[in-house]
Amino acid sequence: MPQFQPDQVTFGDLAGYGMWDVGHAREHLQFVTTLAGLTPPILIPNFDLLSLLTAGQYRRSMVQSHAVSHTLLRAALGITGTDLSAVNLDDANDLANWMGYHRDEHAVIRQALGMI
């Protein structure tokens, strides 16, 4: 069951960014713990993604860590996806597009993990 709404955030809404960050980080934690609970376990790092949209000057670094996380999830699950590091979160159109393909990838990950 999804723990957050990965496509629902309004550009420039800092409170909304914070809500999105928390839900998004929780879902990534759920992905990591579900993989770790498999037999045999699949262990990938649990990246600190609690401030992806709200990291200020560190946001670019957070975007990179997030992209690595998705690369590891894809490899573990045998799925494909878009380069999630190719985004300018300060551009409204870029953020909206990124939210769309990010949302779709989370849906594929949930389905692969049986979280539907």
PDB file of N, CA and C in Angstrom:
ATOM      1  N   MET A   1       0.843  -1.184   0.000  1.00  0.00           N
ATOM      2  CA  MET A   1       0.000   0.000   0.000  1.00  0.00           C
ATOM      3  C   MET A   1       0.883   1.240   0.000  1.00  0.00           C
ATOM      4  N   PRO A   2       0.664   2.177  -0.915  1.00  0.00           N
ATOM      5  CA  PRO A   2       1.483   3.394  -0.942  1.00  0.00           C
ATOM      6  C   PRO A   2       1.371   4.176   0.361  1.00  0.00           C
ATOM      7  N   GLN A   3       2.504   4.708   0.799  1.00  0.00           N
ATOM      8  CA  GLN A   3       2.515   5.498   2.025  1.00  0.00           C
ATOM      9  C   GLN A   3       2.487   6.997   1.750  1.00  0.00           C
ATOM     10  N   PHE A   4       2.544   7.385   0.500  1.00  0.00           N
ATOM     11  CA  PHE A   4       2.524   8.810   0.199  1.00  0.00           C
ATOM     12  C   PHE A   4       1.978   9.019  -1.197  1.00  0.00           C
ATOM     13  N   GLN A   5       1.737  10.253  -1.552  1.00  0.00           N
ATOM     14  CA  GLN A   5       1.245  10.604  -2.873  1.00  0.00           C
ATOM     15  C   GLN A   5       2.405  11.234  -3.651  1.00  0.00           C
ATOM     16  N   PRO A   6       3.168  10.422  -4.397  1.00  0.00           N
ATOM     17  CA  PRO A   6       4.416  10.894  -4.994  1.00  0.00           C
ATOM     18  C   PRO A   6       4.270  11.908  -6.112  1.00  0.00           C
ATOM     19  N   ASP A   7       3.071  12.210  -6.517  1.00  0.00           N
ATOM     20  CA  ASP A   7       2.886  13.180  -7.591  1.00  0.00           C
ATOM     21  C   ASP A   7       2.155  14.426  -7.119  1.00  0.00           C
ATOM     22  N   GLN A   8       1.943  14.544  -5.832  1.00  0.00           N
ATOM     23  CA  GLN A   8       1.147  15.660  -5.326  1.00  0.00           C
ATOM     24  C   GLN A   8       1.994  16.623  -4.503  1.00  0.00           C
ATOM     25  N   VAL A   9       2.478  17.646  -5.175  1.00  0.00           N
ATOM     26  CA  VAL A   9       3.189  18.731  -4.513  1.00  0.00           C
ATOM     27  C   VAL A   9       3.074  19.951  -5.426  1.00  0.00           C
ATOM     28  N   THR A  10       2.917  21.094  -4.825  1.00  0.00           N
ATOM     29  CA  THR A  10       2.793  22.336  -5.574  1.00  0.00           C
ATOM     30  C   THR A  10       4.132  23.048  -5.580  1.00  0.00           C
ATOM     31  N   PHE A  11       4.586  23.456  -6.760  1.00  0.00           N
ATOM     32  CA  PHE A  11       5.872  24.129  -6.885  1.00  0.00           C
ATOM     33  C   PHE A  11       5.953  25.332  -5.939  1.00  0.00           C
ATOM     34  N   GLY A  12       7.021  25.373  -5.154  1.00  0.00           N
ATOM     35  CA  GLY A  12       7.269  26.481  -4.247  1.00  0.00           C
ATOM     36  C   GLY A  12       6.587  26.390  -2.896  1.00  0.00           C
ATOM     37  N   ASP A  13       5.769  25.383  -2.658  1.00  0.00           N
ATOM     38  CA  ASP A  13       5.056  25.219  -1.390  1.00  0.00           C
ATOM     39  C   ASP A  13       5.957  24.475  -0.403  1.00  0.00           C
ATOM     40  N   LEU A  14       6.665  25.211   0.444  1.00  0.00           N
ATOM     41  CA  LEU A  14       7.645  24.588   1.345  1.00  0.00           C
ATOM     42  C   LEU A  14       7.011  23.607   2.315  1.00  0.00           C
ATOM     43  N   ALA A  15       5.835  23.925   2.834  1.00  0.00           N
ATOM     44  CA  ALA A  15       5.169  22.976   3.731  1.00  0.00           C
ATOM     45  C   ALA A  15       4.798  21.701   2.967  1.00  0.00           C
ATOM     46  N   GLY A  16       4.311  21.855   1.758  1.00  0.00           N
ATOM     47  CA  GLY A  16       3.989  20.706   0.915  1.00  0.00           C
ATOM     48  C   GLY A  16       5.229  19.901   0.580  1.00  0.00           C
ATOM     49  N   TYR A  17       6.343  20.593   0.326  1.00  0.00           N
ATOM     50  CA  TYR A  17       7.609  19.898   0.082  1.00  0.00           C
ATOM     51  C   TYR A  17       7.985  19.050   1.295  1.00  0.00           C
ATOM     52  N   GLY A  18       7.808  19.604   2.484  1.00  0.00           N
ATOM     53  CA  GLY A  18       8.146  18.863   3.706  1.00  0.00           C
ATOM     54  C   GLY A  18       7.293  17.618   3.869  1.00  0.00           C
ATOM     55  N   MET A  19       5.998  17.743   3.623  1.00  0.00           N
ATOM     56  CA  MET A  19       5.105  16.571   3.696  1.00  0.00           C
ATOM     57  C   MET A  19       5.512  15.532   2.665  1.00  0.00           C
ATOM     58  N   TRP A  20       5.816  15.980   1.456  1.00  0.00           N
ATOM     59  CA  TRP A  20       6.229  15.064   0.403  1.00  0.00           C
ATOM     60  C   TRP A  20       7.522  14.356   0.805  1.00  0.00           C
ATOM     61  N   ASP A  21       8.485  15.122   1.320  1.00  0.00           N
ATOM     62  CA  ASP A  21       9.767  14.538   1.733  1.00  0.00           C
ATOM     63  C   ASP A  21       9.581  13.416   2.754  1.00  0.00           C
ATOM     64  N   VAL A  22       8.759  13.647   3.759  1.00  0.00           N
ATOM     65  CA  VAL A  22       8.570  12.641   4.815  1.00  0.00           C
ATOM     66  C   VAL A  22       7.915  11.381   4.242  1.00  0.00           C
ATOM     67  N   GLY A  23       6.842  11.540   3.487  1.00  0.00           N
ATOM     68  CA  GLY A  23       6.170  10.384   2.910  1.00  0.00           C
ATOM     69  C   GLY A  23       7.051   9.636   1.930  1.00  0.00           C
ATOM     70  N   HIS A  24       7.790  10.370   1.136  1.00  0.00           N
ATOM     71  CA  HIS A  24       8.691   9.769   0.159  1.00  0.00           C
ATOM     72  C   HIS A  24       9.795   8.976   0.857  1.00  0.00           C
ATOM     73  N   ALA A  25      10.403   9.547   1.887  1.00  0.00           N
ATOM     74  CA  ALA A  25      11.456   8.844   2.636  1.00  0.00           C
ATOM     75  C   ALA A  25      10.902   7.589   3.297  1.00  0.00           C
ATOM     76  N   ARG A  26       9.684   7.671   3.815  1.00  0.00           N
ATOM     77  CA  ARG A  26       9.059   6.489   4.443  1.00  0.00           C
ATOM     78  C   ARG A  26       8.835   5.387   3.415  1.00  0.00           C
ATOM     79  N   GLU A  27       8.421   5.761   2.222  1.00  0.00           N
ATOM     80  CA  GLU A  27       8.200   4.724   1.211  1.00  0.00           C
ATOM     81  C   GLU A  27       9.532   4.085   0.804  1.00  0.00           C
ATOM     82  N   HIS A  28      10.575   4.880   0.662  1.00  0.00           N
ATOM     83  CA  HIS A  28      11.887   4.304   0.351  1.00  0.00           C
ATOM     84  C   HIS A  28      12.330   3.354   1.463  1.00  0.00           C
ATOM     85  N   LEU A  29      12.094   3.719   2.704  1.00  0.00           N
ATOM     86  CA  LEU A  29      12.423   2.829   3.821  1.00  0.00           C
ATOM     87  C   LEU A  29      11.636   1.529   3.697  1.00  0.00           C
ATOM     88  N   GLN A  30      10.371   1.623   3.320  1.00  0.00           N
ATOM     89  CA  GLN A  30       9.552   0.432   3.133  1.00  0.00           C
ATOM     90  C   GLN A  30      10.129  -0.451   2.014  1.00  0.00           C
ATOM     91  N   PHE A  31      10.603   0.156   0.938  1.00  0.00           N
ATOM     92  CA  PHE A  31      11.227  -0.615  -0.139  1.00  0.00           C
ATOM     93  C   PHE A  31      12.446  -1.373   0.379  1.00  0.00           C
ATOM     94  N   VAL A  32      13.307  -0.662   1.112  1.00  0.00           N
ATOM     95  CA  VAL A  32      14.550  -1.264   1.624  1.00  0.00           C
ATOM     96  C   VAL A  32      14.251  -2.400   2.597  1.00  0.00           C
ATOM     97  N   THR A  33      13.312  -2.192   3.506  1.00  0.00           N
ATOM     98  CA  THR A  33      13.014  -3.230   4.497  1.00  0.00           C
ATOM     99  C   THR A  33      12.305  -4.427   3.855  1.00  0.00           C
ATOM    100  N   THR A  34      11.481  -4.187   2.845  1.00  0.00           N
ATOM    101  CA  THR A  34      10.836  -5.296   2.144  1.00  0.00           C
ATOM    102  C   THR A  34      11.876  -6.148   1.428  1.00  0.00           C
ATOM    103  N   LEU A  35      12.816  -5.522   0.754  1.00  0.00           N
ATOM    104  CA  LEU A  35      13.887  -6.269   0.093  1.00  0.00           C
ATOM    105  C   LEU A  35      14.721  -7.050   1.108  1.00  0.00           C
ATOM    106  N   ALA A  36      15.004  -6.442   2.243  1.00  0.00           N
ATOM    107  CA  ALA A  36      15.806  -7.104   3.273  1.00  0.00           C
ATOM    108  C   ALA A  36      15.076  -8.302   3.876  1.00  0.00           C
ATOM    109  N   GLY A  37      13.754  -8.299   3.814  1.00  0.00           N
ATOM    110  CA  GLY A  37      12.966  -9.386   4.371  1.00  0.00           C
ATOM    111  C   GLY A  37      12.765 -10.566   3.426  1.00  0.00           C
ATOM    112  N   LEU A  38      13.271 -10.443   2.207  1.00  0.00           N
ATOM    113  CA  LEU A  38      13.149 -11.547   1.258  1.00  0.00           C
ATOM    114  C   LEU A  38      14.105 -12.675   1.617  1.00  0.00           C
ATOM    115  N   THR A  39      13.863 -13.853   1.055  1.00  0.00           N
ATOM    116  CA  THR A  39      14.766 -14.986   1.227  1.00  0.00           C
ATOM    117  C   THR A  39      15.266 -15.391  -0.148  1.00  0.00           C
ATOM    118  N   PRO A  40      16.530 -15.226  -0.440  1.00  0.00           N
ATOM    119  CA  PRO A  40      17.543 -14.583   0.395  1.00  0.00           C
ATOM    120  C   PRO A  40      17.324 -13.072   0.420  1.00  0.00           C
ATOM    121  N   PRO A  41      17.814 -12.426   1.458  1.00  0.00           N
ATOM    122  CA  PRO A  41      17.623 -10.982   1.565  1.00  0.00           C
ATOM    123  C   PRO A  41      18.402 -10.233   0.481  1.00  0.00           C
ATOM    124  N   ILE A  42      17.826  -9.130   0.051  1.00  0.00           N
ATOM    125  CA  ILE A  42      18.518  -8.218  -0.860  1.00  0.00           C
ATOM    126  C   ILE A  42      18.781  -6.956  -0.052  1.00  0.00           C
ATOM    127  N   LEU A  43      20.051  -6.685   0.174  1.00  0.00           N
ATOM    128  CA  LEU A  43      20.421  -5.560   1.026  1.00  0.00           C
ATOM    129  C   LEU A  43      20.907  -4.391   0.192  1.00  0.00           C
ATOM    130  N   ILE A  44      20.216  -3.283   0.304  1.00  0.00           N
ATOM    131  CA  ILE A  44      20.653  -2.031  -0.313  1.00  0.00           C
ATOM    132  C   ILE A  44      20.629  -0.964   0.771  1.00  0.00           C
ATOM    133  N   PRO A  45      21.444   0.074   0.614  1.00  0.00           N
ATOM    134  CA  PRO A  45      21.482   1.124   1.635  1.00  0.00           C
ATOM    135  C   PRO A  45      20.154   1.870   1.749  1.00  0.00           C
ATOM    136  N   ASN A  46      19.872   2.314   2.953  1.00  0.00           N
ATOM    137  CA  ASN A  46      18.728   3.193   3.182  1.00  0.00           C
ATOM    138  C   ASN A  46      19.242   4.623   3.191  1.00  0.00           C
ATOM    139  N   PHE A  47      19.183   5.272   2.051  1.00  0.00           N
ATOM    140  CA  PHE A  47      19.674   6.640   1.938  1.00  0.00           C
ATOM    141  C   PHE A  47      18.786   7.589   2.740  1.00  0.00           C
ATOM    142  N   ASP A  48      19.391   8.592   3.341  1.00  0.00           N
ATOM    143  CA  ASP A  48      18.646   9.617   4.074  1.00  0.00           C
ATOM    144  C   ASP A  48      18.003  10.549   3.053  1.00  0.00           C
ATOM    145  N   LEU A  49      16.721  10.347   2.798  1.00  0.00           N
ATOM    146  CA  LEU A  49      16.008  11.147   1.810  1.00  0.00           C
ATOM    147  C   LEU A  49      14.962  12.056   2.443  1.00  0.00           C
ATOM    148  N   LEU A  50      15.092  12.306   3.745  1.00  0.00           N
ATOM    149  CA  LEU A  50      14.078  13.097   4.455  1.00  0.00           C
ATOM    150  C   LEU A  50      13.990  14.554   4.025  1.00  0.00           C
ATOM    151  N   SER A  51      14.972  15.026   3.293  1.00  0.00           N
ATOM    152  CA  SER A  51      14.903  16.432   2.880  1.00  0.00           C
ATOM    153  C   SER A  51      15.254  16.597   1.408  1.00  0.00           C
ATOM    154  N   LEU A  52      14.750  15.714   0.569  1.00  0.00           N
ATOM    155  CA  LEU A  52      15.057  15.785  -0.862  1.00  0.00           C
ATOM    156  C   LEU A  52      14.647  17.132  -1.452  1.00  0.00           C
ATOM    157  N   LEU A  53      13.423  17.551  -1.231  1.00  0.00           N
ATOM    158  CA  LEU A  53      12.958  18.823  -1.796  1.00  0.00           C
ATOM    159  C   LEU A  53      13.305  20.025  -0.922  1.00  0.00           C
ATOM    160  N   THR A  54      13.593  19.792   0.347  1.00  0.00           N
ATOM    161  CA  THR A  54      13.803  20.901   1.287  1.00  0.00           C
ATOM    162  C   THR A  54      15.246  21.038   1.749  1.00  0.00           C
ATOM    163  N   ALA A  55      16.179  20.451   1.035  1.00  0.00           N
ATOM    164  CA  ALA A  55      17.586  20.428   1.477  1.00  0.00           C
ATOM    165  C   ALA A  55      18.348  21.710   1.183  1.00  0.00           C
ATOM    166  N   GLY A  56      17.708  22.708   0.607  1.00  0.00           N
ATOM    167  CA  GLY A  56      18.386  23.972   0.341  1.00  0.00           C
ATOM    168  C   GLY A  56      19.612  23.773  -0.537  1.00  0.00           C
ATOM    169  N   GLN A  57      20.751  24.260  -0.056  1.00  0.00           N
ATOM    170  CA  GLN A  57      21.987  24.201  -0.845  1.00  0.00           C
ATOM    171  C   GLN A  57      22.482  22.765  -1.057  1.00  0.00           C
ATOM    172  N   TYR A  58      21.964  21.818  -0.307  1.00  0.00           N
ATOM    173  CA  TYR A  58      22.377  20.417  -0.427  1.00  0.00           C
ATOM    174  C   TYR A  58      21.426  19.599  -1.309  1.00  0.00           C
ATOM    175  N   ARG A  59      20.469  20.271  -1.887  1.00  0.00           N
ATOM    176  CA  ARG A  59      19.445  19.573  -2.661  1.00  0.00           C
ATOM    177  C   ARG A  59      20.032  18.802  -3.843  1.00  0.00           C
ATOM    178  N   ARG A  60      21.023  19.353  -4.525  1.00  0.00           N
ATOM    179  CA  ARG A  60      21.638  18.661  -5.670  1.00  0.00           C
ATOM    180  C   ARG A  60      22.248  17.340  -5.215  1.00  0.00           C
ATOM    181  N   SER A  61      22.906  17.348  -4.059  1.00  0.00           N
ATOM    182  CA  SER A  61      23.492  16.131  -3.506  1.00  0.00           C
ATOM    183  C   SER A  61      22.406  15.118  -3.163  1.00  0.00           C
ATOM    184  N   MET A  62      21.303  15.593  -2.618  1.00  0.00           N
ATOM    185  CA  MET A  62      20.182  14.715  -2.281  1.00  0.00           C
ATOM    186  C   MET A  62      19.590  14.091  -3.549  1.00  0.00           C
ATOM    187  N   VAL A  63      19.484  14.872  -4.613  1.00  0.00           N
ATOM    188  CA  VAL A  63      18.967  14.359  -5.880  1.00  0.00           C
ATOM    189  C   VAL A  63      19.872  13.231  -6.384  1.00  0.00           C
ATOM    190  N   GLN A  64      21.186  13.416  -6.246  1.00  0.00           N
ATOM    191  CA  GLN A  64      22.124  12.385  -6.685  1.00  0.00           C
ATOM    192  C   GLN A  64      21.975  11.111  -5.854  1.00  0.00           C
ATOM    193  N   SER A  65      21.878  11.255  -4.529  1.00  0.00           N
ATOM    194  CA  SER A  65      21.701  10.087  -3.660  1.00  0.00           C
ATOM    195  C   SER A  65      20.402   9.359  -3.989  1.00  0.00           C
ATOM    196  N   HIS A  66      19.359  10.117  -4.233  1.00  0.00           N
ATOM    197  CA  HIS A  66      18.068   9.553  -4.583  1.00  0.00           C
ATOM    198  C   HIS A  66      18.166   8.763  -5.883  1.00  0.00           C
ATOM    199  N   ALA A  67      18.872   9.307  -6.870  1.00  0.00           N
ATOM    200  CA  ALA A  67      19.042   8.616  -8.145  1.00  0.00           C
ATOM    201  C   ALA A  67      19.803   7.299  -7.951  1.00  0.00           C
ATOM    202  N   VAL A  68      20.823   7.300  -7.097  1.00  0.00           N
ATOM    203  CA  VAL A  68      21.565   6.068  -6.800  1.00  0.00           C
ATOM    204  C   VAL A  68      20.639   5.051  -6.146  1.00  0.00           C
ATOM    205  N   SER A  69      19.799   5.511  -5.226  1.00  0.00           N
ATOM    206  CA  SER A  69      18.845   4.628  -4.572  1.00  0.00           C
ATOM    207  C   SER A  69      17.946   3.946  -5.593  1.00  0.00           C
ATOM    208  N   HIS A  70      17.427   4.709  -6.541  1.00  0.00           N
ATOM    209  CA  HIS A  70      16.561   4.137  -7.570  1.00  0.00           C
ATOM    210  C   HIS A  70      17.329   3.188  -8.488  1.00  0.00           C
ATOM    211  N   THR A  71      18.575   3.504  -8.784  1.00  0.00           N
ATOM    212  CA  THR A  71      19.401   2.610  -9.604  1.00  0.00           C
ATOM    213  C   THR A  71      19.561   1.262  -8.910  1.00  0.00           C
ATOM    214  N   LEU A  72      19.792   1.273  -7.604  1.00  0.00           N
ATOM    215  CA  LEU A  72      19.931   0.031  -6.844  1.00  0.00           C
ATOM    216  C   LEU A  72      18.605  -0.735  -6.775  1.00  0.00           C
ATOM    217  N   LEU A  73      17.508  -0.012  -6.586  1.00  0.00           N
ATOM    218  CA  LEU A  73      16.189  -0.665  -6.578  1.00  0.00           C
ATOM    219  C   LEU A  73      15.893  -1.312  -7.924  1.00  0.00           C
ATOM    220  N   ARG A  74      16.194  -0.603  -9.008  1.00  0.00           N
ATOM    221  CA  ARG A  74      15.955  -1.164 -10.339  1.00  0.00           C
ATOM    222  C   ARG A  74      16.756  -2.437 -10.553  1.00  0.00           C
ATOM    223  N   ALA A  75      18.035  -2.397 -10.161  1.00  0.00           N
ATOM    224  CA  ALA A  75      18.899  -3.570 -10.335  1.00  0.00           C
ATOM    225  C   ALA A  75      18.381  -4.752  -9.514  1.00  0.00           C
ATOM    226  N   ALA A  76      17.949  -4.487  -8.301  1.00  0.00           N
ATOM    227  CA  ALA A  76      17.462  -5.555  -7.424  1.00  0.00           C
ATOM    228  C   ALA A  76      16.174  -6.168  -7.947  1.00  0.00           C
ATOM    229  N   LEU A  77      15.348  -5.358  -8.600  1.00  0.00           N
ATOM    230  CA  LEU A  77      14.027  -5.814  -9.032  1.00  0.00           C
ATOM    231  C   LEU A  77      13.940  -6.140 -10.521  1.00  0.00           C
ATOM    232  N   GLY A  78      15.013  -5.873 -11.261  1.00  0.00           N
ATOM    233  CA  GLY A  78      15.007  -6.156 -12.692  1.00  0.00           C
ATOM    234  C   GLY A  78      14.070  -5.264 -13.472  1.00  0.00           C
ATOM    235  N   ILE A  79      13.984  -4.000 -13.083  1.00  0.00           N
ATOM    236  CA  ILE A  79      13.111  -3.054 -13.783  1.00  0.00           C
ATOM    237  C   ILE A  79      13.968  -1.938 -14.380  1.00  0.00           C
ATOM    238  N   THR A  80      13.355  -1.125 -15.200  1.00  0.00           N
ATOM    239  CA  THR A  80      14.055   0.008 -15.802  1.00  0.00           C
ATOM    240  C   THR A  80      13.380   1.299 -15.360  1.00  0.00           C
ATOM    241  N   GLY A  81      14.065   2.402 -15.580  1.00  0.00           N
ATOM    242  CA  GLY A  81      13.505   3.695 -15.218  1.00  0.00           C
ATOM    243  C   GLY A  81      14.286   4.819 -15.860  1.00  0.00           C
ATOM    244  N   THR A  82      13.873   6.021 -15.555  1.00  0.00           N
ATOM    245  CA  THR A  82      14.471   7.238 -16.088  1.00  0.00           C
ATOM    246  C   THR A  82      15.548   7.738 -15.143  1.00  0.00           C
ATOM    247  N   ASP A  83      16.515   8.463 -15.676  1.00  0.00           N
ATOM    248  CA  ASP A  83      17.570   9.062 -14.852  1.00  0.00           C
ATOM    249  C   ASP A  83      16.937  10.137 -13.962  1.00  0.00           C
ATOM    250  N   LEU A  84      16.756   9.806 -12.693  1.00  0.00           N
ATOM    251  CA  LEU A  84      16.102  10.732 -11.766  1.00  0.00           C
ATOM    252  C   LEU A  84      17.026  11.842 -11.272  1.00  0.00           C
ATOM    253  N   SER A  85      18.291  11.826 -11.702  1.00  0.00           N
ATOM    254  CA  SER A  85      19.189  12.921 -11.315  1.00  0.00           C
ATOM    255  C   SER A  85      19.097  14.074 -12.306  1.00  0.00           C
ATOM    256  N   ALA A  86      18.467  13.847 -13.444  1.00  0.00           N
ATOM    257  CA  ALA A  86      18.366  14.860 -14.488  1.00  0.00           C
ATOM    258  C   ALA A  86      17.144  15.733 -14.257  1.00  0.00           C
ATOM    259  N   VAL A  87      17.230  16.575 -13.230  1.00  0.00           N
ATOM    260  CA  VAL A  87      16.100  17.442 -12.897  1.00  0.00           C
ATOM    261  C   VAL A  87      16.611  18.744 -12.291  1.00  0.00           C
ATOM    262  N   ASN A  88      15.950  19.829 -12.616  1.00  0.00           N
ATOM    263  CA  ASN A  88      16.188  21.112 -11.972  1.00  0.00           C
ATOM    264  C   ASN A  88      14.970  21.390 -11.102  1.00  0.00           C
ATOM    265  N   LEU A  89      15.110  21.129  -9.802  1.00  0.00           N
ATOM    266  CA  LEU A  89      13.972  21.286  -8.894  1.00  0.00           C
ATOM    267  C   LEU A  89      13.557  22.739  -8.703  1.00  0.00           C
ATOM    268  N   ASP A  90      14.344  23.674  -9.236  1.00  0.00           N
ATOM    269  CA  ASP A  90      13.989  25.092  -9.156  1.00  0.00           C
ATOM    270  C   ASP A  90      13.181  25.557 -10.359  1.00  0.00           C
ATOM    271  N   ASP A  91      12.880  24.647 -11.267  1.00  0.00           N
ATOM    272  CA  ASP A  91      12.086  24.966 -12.444  1.00  0.00           C
ATOM    273  C   ASP A  91      10.746  24.250 -12.332  1.00  0.00           C
ATOM    274  N   ALA A  92       9.655  25.000 -12.366  1.00  0.00           N
ATOM    275  CA  ALA A  92       8.317  24.432 -12.154  1.00  0.00           C
ATOM    276  C   ALA A  92       7.986  23.331 -13.157  1.00  0.00           C
ATOM    277  N   ASN A  93       8.276  23.543 -14.437  1.00  0.00           N
ATOM    278  CA  ASN A  93       7.964  22.529 -15.447  1.00  0.00           C
ATOM    279  C   ASN A  93       8.818  21.286 -15.271  1.00  0.00           C
ATOM    280  N   ASP A  94      10.099  21.473 -14.981  1.00  0.00           N
ATOM    281  CA  ASP A  94      10.995  20.341 -14.780  1.00  0.00           C
ATOM    282  C   ASP A  94      10.547  19.511 -13.574  1.00  0.00           C
ATOM    283  N   LEU A  95      10.184  20.200 -12.487  1.00  0.00           N
ATOM    284  CA  LEU A  95       9.709  19.499 -11.296  1.00  0.00           C
ATOM    285  C   LEU A  95       8.427  18.719 -11.599  1.00  0.00           C
ATOM    286  N   ALA A  96       7.504  19.331 -12.308  1.00  0.00           N
ATOM    287  CA  ALA A  96       6.242  18.662 -12.632  1.00  0.00           C
ATOM    288  C   ALA A  96       6.482  17.416 -13.483  1.00  0.00           C
ATOM    289  N   ASN A  97       7.344  17.524 -14.480  1.00  0.00           N
ATOM    290  CA  ASN A  97       7.670  16.364 -15.317  1.00  0.00           C
ATOM    291  C   ASN A  97       8.339  15.275 -14.500  1.00  0.00           C
ATOM    292  N   TRP A  98       9.294  15.660 -13.663  1.00  0.00           N
ATOM    293  CA  TRP A  98      10.023  14.716 -12.816  1.00  0.00           C
ATOM    294  C   TRP A  98       9.063  14.001 -11.871  1.00  0.00           C
ATOM    295  N   MET A  99       8.135  14.744 -11.283  1.00  0.00           N
ATOM    296  CA  MET A  99       7.153  14.129 -10.391  1.00  0.00           C
ATOM    297  C   MET A  99       6.359  13.050 -11.123  1.00  0.00           C
ATOM    298  N   GLY A 100       6.059  13.274 -12.391  1.00  0.00           N
ATOM    299  CA  GLY A 100       5.307  12.303 -13.164  1.00  0.00           C
ATOM    300  C   GLY A 100       6.069  11.011 -13.380  1.00  0.00           C
ATOM    301  N   TYR A 101       7.296  11.093 -13.878  1.00  0.00           N
ATOM    302  CA  TYR A 101       8.002   9.835 -14.110  1.00  0.00           C
ATOM    303  C   TYR A 101       8.504   9.217 -12.825  1.00  0.00           C
ATOM    304  N   HIS A 102       8.711  10.013 -11.783  1.00  0.00           N
ATOM    305  CA  HIS A 102       9.066   9.471 -10.463  1.00  0.00           C
ATOM    306  C   HIS A 102       7.875   8.709  -9.880  1.00  0.00           C
ATOM    307  N   ARG A 103       6.684   9.277  -9.989  1.00  0.00           N
ATOM    308  CA  ARG A 103       5.456   8.621  -9.535  1.00  0.00           C
ATOM    309  C   ARG A 103       5.283   7.268 -10.214  1.00  0.00           C
ATOM    310  N   ASP A 104       5.490   7.260 -11.534  1.00  0.00           N
ATOM    311  CA  ASP A 104       5.326   6.021 -12.290  1.00  0.00           C
ATOM    312  C   ASP A 104       6.336   4.969 -11.846  1.00  0.00           C
ATOM    313  N   GLU A 105       7.560   5.378 -11.594  1.00  0.00           N
ATOM    314  CA  GLU A 105       8.573   4.410 -11.168  1.00  0.00           C
ATOM    315  C   GLU A 105       8.261   3.847  -9.787  1.00  0.00           C
ATOM    316  N   HIS A 106       7.795   4.679  -8.866  1.00  0.00           N
ATOM    317  CA  HIS A 106       7.416   4.169  -7.544  1.00  0.00           C
ATOM    318  C   HIS A 106       6.276   3.151  -7.672  1.00  0.00           C
ATOM    319  N   ALA A 107       5.343   3.387  -8.590  1.00  0.00           N
ATOM    320  CA  ALA A 107       4.245   2.435  -8.802  1.00  0.00           C
ATOM    321  C   ALA A 107       4.783   1.093  -9.299  1.00  0.00           C
ATOM    322  N   VAL A 108       5.759   1.131 -10.203  1.00  0.00           N
ATOM    323  CA  VAL A 108       6.367  -0.100 -10.717  1.00  0.00           C
ATOM    324  C   VAL A 108       7.112  -0.822  -9.596  1.00  0.00           C
ATOM    325  N   ILE A 109       7.819  -0.077  -8.744  1.00  0.00           N
ATOM    326  CA  ILE A 109       8.546  -0.672  -7.625  1.00  0.00           C
ATOM    327  C   ILE A 109       7.560  -1.320  -6.651  1.00  0.00           C
ATOM    328  N   ARG A 110       6.486  -0.605  -6.309  1.00  0.00           N
ATOM    329  CA  ARG A 110       5.481  -1.184  -5.407  1.00  0.00           C
ATOM    330  C   ARG A 110       4.903  -2.468  -5.997  1.00  0.00           C
ATOM    331  N   GLN A 111       4.624  -2.450  -7.286  1.00  0.00           N
ATOM    332  CA  GLN A 111       4.069  -3.640  -7.922  1.00  0.00           C
ATOM    333  C   GLN A 111       5.068  -4.787  -7.877  1.00  0.00           C
ATOM    334  N   ALA A 112       6.329  -4.533  -8.168  1.00  0.00           N
ATOM    335  CA  ALA A 112       7.354  -5.578  -8.155  1.00  0.00           C
ATOM    336  C   ALA A 112       7.539  -6.167  -6.760  1.00  0.00           C
ATOM    337  N   LEU A 113       7.304  -5.353  -5.740  1.00  0.00           N
ATOM    338  CA  LEU A 113       7.446  -5.806  -4.354  1.00  0.00           C
ATOM    339  C   LEU A 113       6.133  -6.336  -3.770  1.00  0.00           C
ATOM    340  N   GLY A 114       5.074  -6.333  -4.564  1.00  0.00           N
ATOM    341  CA  GLY A 114       3.784  -6.838  -4.091  1.00  0.00           C
ATOM    342  C   GLY A 114       3.088  -5.913  -3.105  1.00  0.00           C
ATOM    343  N   MET A 115       3.316  -4.616  -3.235  1.00  0.00           N
ATOM    344  CA  MET A 115       2.741  -3.633  -2.304  1.00  0.00           C
ATOM    345  C   MET A 115       1.525  -2.927  -2.890  1.00  0.00           C
ATOM    346  N   ILE A 116       0.738  -3.619  -3.638  1.00  0.00           N
ATOM    347  CA  ILE A 116      -0.414  -2.968  -4.275  1.00  0.00           C
ATOM    348  C   ILE A 116      -1.674  -3.251  -3.498  1.00  0.00           C
TER     349      ILE A 116
END
